[in-house]
């Protein structure tokens, strides 16, 4: 199970023990942690997930949240081809 804690001060904790940092870059989130002495970078995107759809969160589709048709989640890209929906943001 993937667990990343993103704190308001810009620090991050991966799997409860690996310390790192995160930064909101407007269109994505950069997460950098050191795992077993190796620097690891991940990218996250806010998405809106609803029944039958998942889309990157943009100003144009925020109405889905207002209408109660979807919820905001953070999608973390583990590699270029692998991602996980790991955080629901309330």
N, C-alpha and C. Protein backbone atom coordinates (compact mmCIF):
# COMPACT_ATOMS: atom_id res chain seq x y z
N UNK A 1 0.84 -1.17 0.00
CA UNK A 1 0.00 0.00 0.00
C UNK A 1 0.89 1.24 0.00
N UNK A 2 0.58 2.17 -0.87
CA UNK A 2 1.33 3.42 -0.97
C UNK A 2 0.76 4.43 0.00
N UNK A 3 1.62 4.99 0.85
CA UNK A 3 1.20 6.04 1.78
C UNK A 3 2.21 7.17 1.71
N UNK A 4 1.72 8.34 1.27
CA UNK A 4 2.55 9.54 1.26
C UNK A 4 1.81 10.61 2.03
N UNK A 5 2.44 11.15 3.03
CA UNK A 5 1.85 12.24 3.80
C UNK A 5 2.46 13.54 3.31
N UNK A 6 1.60 14.44 2.82
CA UNK A 6 2.04 15.75 2.36
C UNK A 6 1.62 16.78 3.40
N UNK A 7 2.58 17.41 4.04
CA UNK A 7 2.29 18.36 5.11
C UNK A 7 2.26 19.78 4.57
N UNK A 8 1.54 20.63 5.27
CA UNK A 8 1.34 22.02 4.85
C UNK A 8 2.66 22.80 4.73
N UNK A 9 3.69 22.40 5.47
CA UNK A 9 4.97 23.12 5.43
C UNK A 9 5.85 22.72 4.24
N UNK A 10 5.36 21.83 3.37
CA UNK A 10 6.13 21.41 2.20
C UNK A 10 6.95 20.15 2.43
N UNK A 11 6.87 19.59 3.63
CA UNK A 11 7.58 18.34 3.88
C UNK A 11 6.67 17.16 3.52
N UNK A 12 7.30 16.01 3.27
CA UNK A 12 6.58 14.80 2.90
C UNK A 12 7.19 13.62 3.64
N UNK A 13 6.35 12.63 3.91
CA UNK A 13 6.83 11.39 4.51
C UNK A 13 6.25 10.23 3.68
N UNK A 14 7.14 9.40 3.15
CA UNK A 14 6.75 8.26 2.33
C UNK A 14 6.86 6.99 3.15
N UNK A 15 5.80 6.19 3.18
CA UNK A 15 5.75 4.92 3.91
C UNK A 15 6.10 5.07 5.39
N UNK A 16 5.87 6.26 5.96
CA UNK A 16 6.06 6.48 7.39
C UNK A 16 7.48 6.73 7.84
N UNK A 17 8.48 6.50 6.97
CA UNK A 17 9.87 6.63 7.41
C UNK A 17 10.76 7.45 6.49
N UNK A 18 10.44 7.52 5.22
CA UNK A 18 11.31 8.21 4.26
C UNK A 18 10.89 9.67 4.15
N UNK A 19 11.80 10.56 4.52
CA UNK A 19 11.49 11.99 4.52
C UNK A 19 11.76 12.60 3.15
N UNK A 20 11.01 13.66 2.85
CA UNK A 20 11.19 14.35 1.60
C UNK A 20 10.48 15.68 1.59
N UNK A 21 10.26 16.18 0.40
CA UNK A 21 9.58 17.47 0.22
C UNK A 21 8.57 17.36 -0.91
N UNK A 22 7.64 18.30 -0.95
CA UNK A 22 6.70 18.39 -2.06
C UNK A 22 6.45 19.85 -2.37
N UNK A 23 6.04 20.11 -3.61
CA UNK A 23 5.80 21.48 -4.05
C UNK A 23 4.65 21.49 -5.04
N UNK A 24 3.73 22.43 -4.87
CA UNK A 24 2.63 22.62 -5.80
C UNK A 24 3.12 23.50 -6.93
N UNK A 25 3.12 22.97 -8.16
CA UNK A 25 3.60 23.69 -9.33
C UNK A 25 2.45 24.21 -10.20
N UNK A 26 1.30 24.45 -9.64
CA UNK A 26 0.08 24.90 -10.29
C UNK A 26 -0.60 23.79 -11.09
N UNK A 27 0.09 23.21 -12.08
CA UNK A 27 -0.55 22.15 -12.87
C UNK A 27 -0.17 20.75 -12.42
N UNK A 28 0.78 20.62 -11.47
CA UNK A 28 1.12 19.32 -10.90
C UNK A 28 1.80 19.52 -9.55
N UNK A 29 2.09 18.42 -8.90
CA UNK A 29 2.78 18.44 -7.61
C UNK A 29 4.03 17.60 -7.73
N UNK A 30 5.18 18.16 -7.34
CA UNK A 30 6.45 17.43 -7.34
C UNK A 30 6.68 16.88 -5.95
N UNK A 31 7.01 15.59 -5.88
CA UNK A 31 7.31 14.94 -4.61
C UNK A 31 8.70 14.33 -4.72
N UNK A 32 9.58 14.69 -3.79
CA UNK A 32 10.95 14.17 -3.79
C UNK A 32 11.24 13.54 -2.44
N UNK A 33 11.62 12.27 -2.45
CA UNK A 33 11.96 11.55 -1.22
C UNK A 33 13.25 10.78 -1.43
N UNK A 34 13.89 10.46 -0.33
CA UNK A 34 15.10 9.65 -0.38
C UNK A 34 14.73 8.27 0.16
N UNK A 35 14.86 7.25 -0.71
CA UNK A 35 14.52 5.88 -0.34
C UNK A 35 15.77 5.02 -0.45
N UNK A 36 16.16 4.45 0.68
CA UNK A 36 17.39 3.63 0.74
C UNK A 36 18.58 4.37 0.15
N UNK A 37 18.71 5.65 0.48
CA UNK A 37 19.83 6.46 0.04
C UNK A 37 19.72 6.98 -1.38
N UNK A 38 18.63 6.65 -2.08
CA UNK A 38 18.48 7.06 -3.47
C UNK A 38 17.38 8.12 -3.58
N UNK A 39 17.69 9.24 -4.27
CA UNK A 39 16.69 10.27 -4.50
C UNK A 39 15.64 9.75 -5.46
N UNK A 40 14.37 9.90 -5.07
CA UNK A 40 13.26 9.43 -5.89
C UNK A 40 12.30 10.59 -6.11
N UNK A 41 11.97 10.85 -7.37
CA UNK A 41 11.04 11.94 -7.72
C UNK A 41 9.75 11.35 -8.27
N UNK A 42 8.63 11.88 -7.80
CA UNK A 42 7.32 11.49 -8.29
C UNK A 42 6.55 12.76 -8.64
N UNK A 43 5.60 12.63 -9.54
CA UNK A 43 4.75 13.75 -9.92
C UNK A 43 3.31 13.39 -9.61
N UNK A 44 2.57 14.34 -9.07
CA UNK A 44 1.16 14.11 -8.77
C UNK A 44 0.29 15.13 -9.49
N UNK A 45 -0.93 14.71 -9.78
CA UNK A 45 -1.91 15.57 -10.44
C UNK A 45 -3.23 15.47 -9.70
N UNK A 46 -3.89 16.61 -9.49
CA UNK A 46 -5.23 16.55 -8.95
C UNK A 46 -6.18 16.14 -10.06
N UNK A 47 -7.02 15.18 -9.76
CA UNK A 47 -8.01 14.69 -10.71
C UNK A 47 -9.39 14.75 -10.06
N UNK A 48 -10.40 14.80 -10.91
CA UNK A 48 -11.78 14.69 -10.44
C UNK A 48 -12.26 13.32 -10.87
N UNK A 49 -12.71 12.54 -9.89
CA UNK A 49 -13.17 11.19 -10.15
C UNK A 49 -14.66 11.11 -9.85
N UNK A 50 -15.40 10.60 -10.81
CA UNK A 50 -16.84 10.43 -10.65
C UNK A 50 -17.27 9.12 -11.25
N UNK A 51 -18.55 8.88 -11.28
CA UNK A 51 -19.06 7.63 -11.82
C UNK A 51 -18.78 7.55 -13.32
N UNK A 52 -17.89 6.64 -13.70
CA UNK A 52 -17.58 6.44 -15.10
C UNK A 52 -16.55 7.38 -15.69
N UNK A 53 -15.92 8.26 -14.89
CA UNK A 53 -14.91 9.15 -15.46
C UNK A 53 -13.86 9.55 -14.43
N UNK A 54 -12.68 9.85 -14.94
CA UNK A 54 -11.60 10.47 -14.17
C UNK A 54 -10.95 11.48 -15.12
N UNK A 55 -10.80 12.72 -14.67
CA UNK A 55 -10.21 13.76 -15.52
C UNK A 55 -9.32 14.65 -14.67
N UNK A 56 -8.26 15.18 -15.27
CA UNK A 56 -7.42 16.13 -14.57
C UNK A 56 -8.27 17.31 -14.12
N UNK A 57 -8.05 17.77 -12.93
CA UNK A 57 -8.81 18.90 -12.39
C UNK A 57 -8.36 20.19 -13.06
N UNK A 58 -9.29 20.87 -13.69
CA UNK A 58 -9.03 22.17 -14.32
C UNK A 58 -10.15 23.11 -13.93
N UNK A 59 -9.95 24.39 -14.17
CA UNK A 59 -11.00 25.37 -13.87
C UNK A 59 -12.28 25.04 -14.64
N UNK A 60 -12.12 24.50 -15.84
CA UNK A 60 -13.27 24.22 -16.69
C UNK A 60 -14.15 23.08 -16.19
N UNK A 61 -13.56 22.12 -15.45
CA UNK A 61 -14.39 20.99 -14.99
C UNK A 61 -14.65 20.96 -13.49
N UNK A 62 -14.34 22.04 -12.78
CA UNK A 62 -14.60 22.10 -11.35
C UNK A 62 -16.10 22.06 -11.02
N UNK A 63 -16.93 22.32 -12.00
CA UNK A 63 -18.38 22.28 -11.77
C UNK A 63 -18.83 20.88 -11.35
N UNK A 64 -18.08 19.83 -11.72
CA UNK A 64 -18.44 18.48 -11.30
C UNK A 64 -18.38 18.36 -9.77
N UNK A 65 -17.43 19.05 -9.14
CA UNK A 65 -17.35 19.05 -7.68
C UNK A 65 -18.53 19.81 -7.09
N UNK A 66 -18.81 21.00 -7.64
CA UNK A 66 -19.91 21.83 -7.14
C UNK A 66 -21.25 21.12 -7.27
N UNK A 67 -21.40 20.31 -8.32
CA UNK A 67 -22.66 19.60 -8.56
C UNK A 67 -22.72 18.26 -7.83
N UNK A 68 -21.65 17.91 -7.11
CA UNK A 68 -21.63 16.65 -6.37
C UNK A 68 -21.47 15.43 -7.26
N UNK A 69 -20.98 15.60 -8.47
CA UNK A 69 -20.85 14.48 -9.41
C UNK A 69 -19.47 13.82 -9.38
N UNK A 70 -18.56 14.38 -8.61
CA UNK A 70 -17.20 13.82 -8.52
C UNK A 70 -16.52 14.29 -7.26
N UNK A 71 -15.35 13.72 -7.00
CA UNK A 71 -14.56 14.14 -5.84
C UNK A 71 -13.12 14.38 -6.28
N UNK A 72 -12.46 15.27 -5.56
CA UNK A 72 -11.08 15.63 -5.88
C UNK A 72 -10.14 14.60 -5.26
N UNK A 73 -9.23 14.08 -6.08
CA UNK A 73 -8.24 13.11 -5.62
C UNK A 73 -6.88 13.52 -6.13
N UNK A 74 -5.85 12.98 -5.52
CA UNK A 74 -4.49 13.21 -5.97
C UNK A 74 -3.98 11.93 -6.60
N UNK A 75 -3.62 11.98 -7.86
CA UNK A 75 -3.07 10.85 -8.60
C UNK A 75 -1.56 11.00 -8.60
N UNK A 76 -0.85 9.98 -8.13
CA UNK A 76 0.62 10.02 -8.06
C UNK A 76 1.19 9.14 -9.16
N UNK A 77 2.07 9.70 -9.97
CA UNK A 77 2.75 8.94 -11.02
C UNK A 77 3.99 8.30 -10.40
N UNK A 78 3.98 6.98 -10.27
CA UNK A 78 5.13 6.26 -9.70
C UNK A 78 6.24 6.11 -10.73
N UNK A 79 5.84 5.87 -11.96
CA UNK A 79 6.78 5.86 -13.09
C UNK A 79 6.06 6.57 -14.23
N UNK A 80 6.68 6.65 -15.39
CA UNK A 80 6.03 7.29 -16.53
C UNK A 80 4.73 6.60 -16.94
N UNK A 81 4.62 5.30 -16.63
CA UNK A 81 3.46 4.53 -17.08
C UNK A 81 2.61 3.98 -15.94
N UNK A 82 3.02 4.18 -14.70
CA UNK A 82 2.30 3.61 -13.56
C UNK A 82 1.87 4.72 -12.61
N UNK A 83 0.57 4.70 -12.25
CA UNK A 83 0.09 5.70 -11.30
C UNK A 83 -0.82 5.03 -10.28
N UNK A 84 -1.12 5.77 -9.23
CA UNK A 84 -2.01 5.27 -8.20
C UNK A 84 -2.81 6.46 -7.67
N UNK A 85 -4.10 6.24 -7.44
CA UNK A 85 -4.93 7.24 -6.77
C UNK A 85 -4.76 7.00 -5.29
N UNK A 86 -4.08 7.91 -4.61
CA UNK A 86 -3.73 7.58 -3.22
C UNK A 86 -4.35 8.50 -2.18
N UNK A 87 -4.83 9.65 -2.56
CA UNK A 87 -5.33 10.58 -1.56
C UNK A 87 -6.65 11.17 -2.02
N UNK A 88 -7.63 11.14 -1.14
CA UNK A 88 -8.85 11.89 -1.38
C UNK A 88 -8.72 13.18 -0.60
N UNK A 89 -8.98 14.27 -1.25
CA UNK A 89 -8.81 15.57 -0.59
C UNK A 89 -10.20 16.12 -0.31
N UNK A 90 -10.47 16.39 0.94
CA UNK A 90 -11.80 16.84 1.32
C UNK A 90 -11.86 18.28 1.70
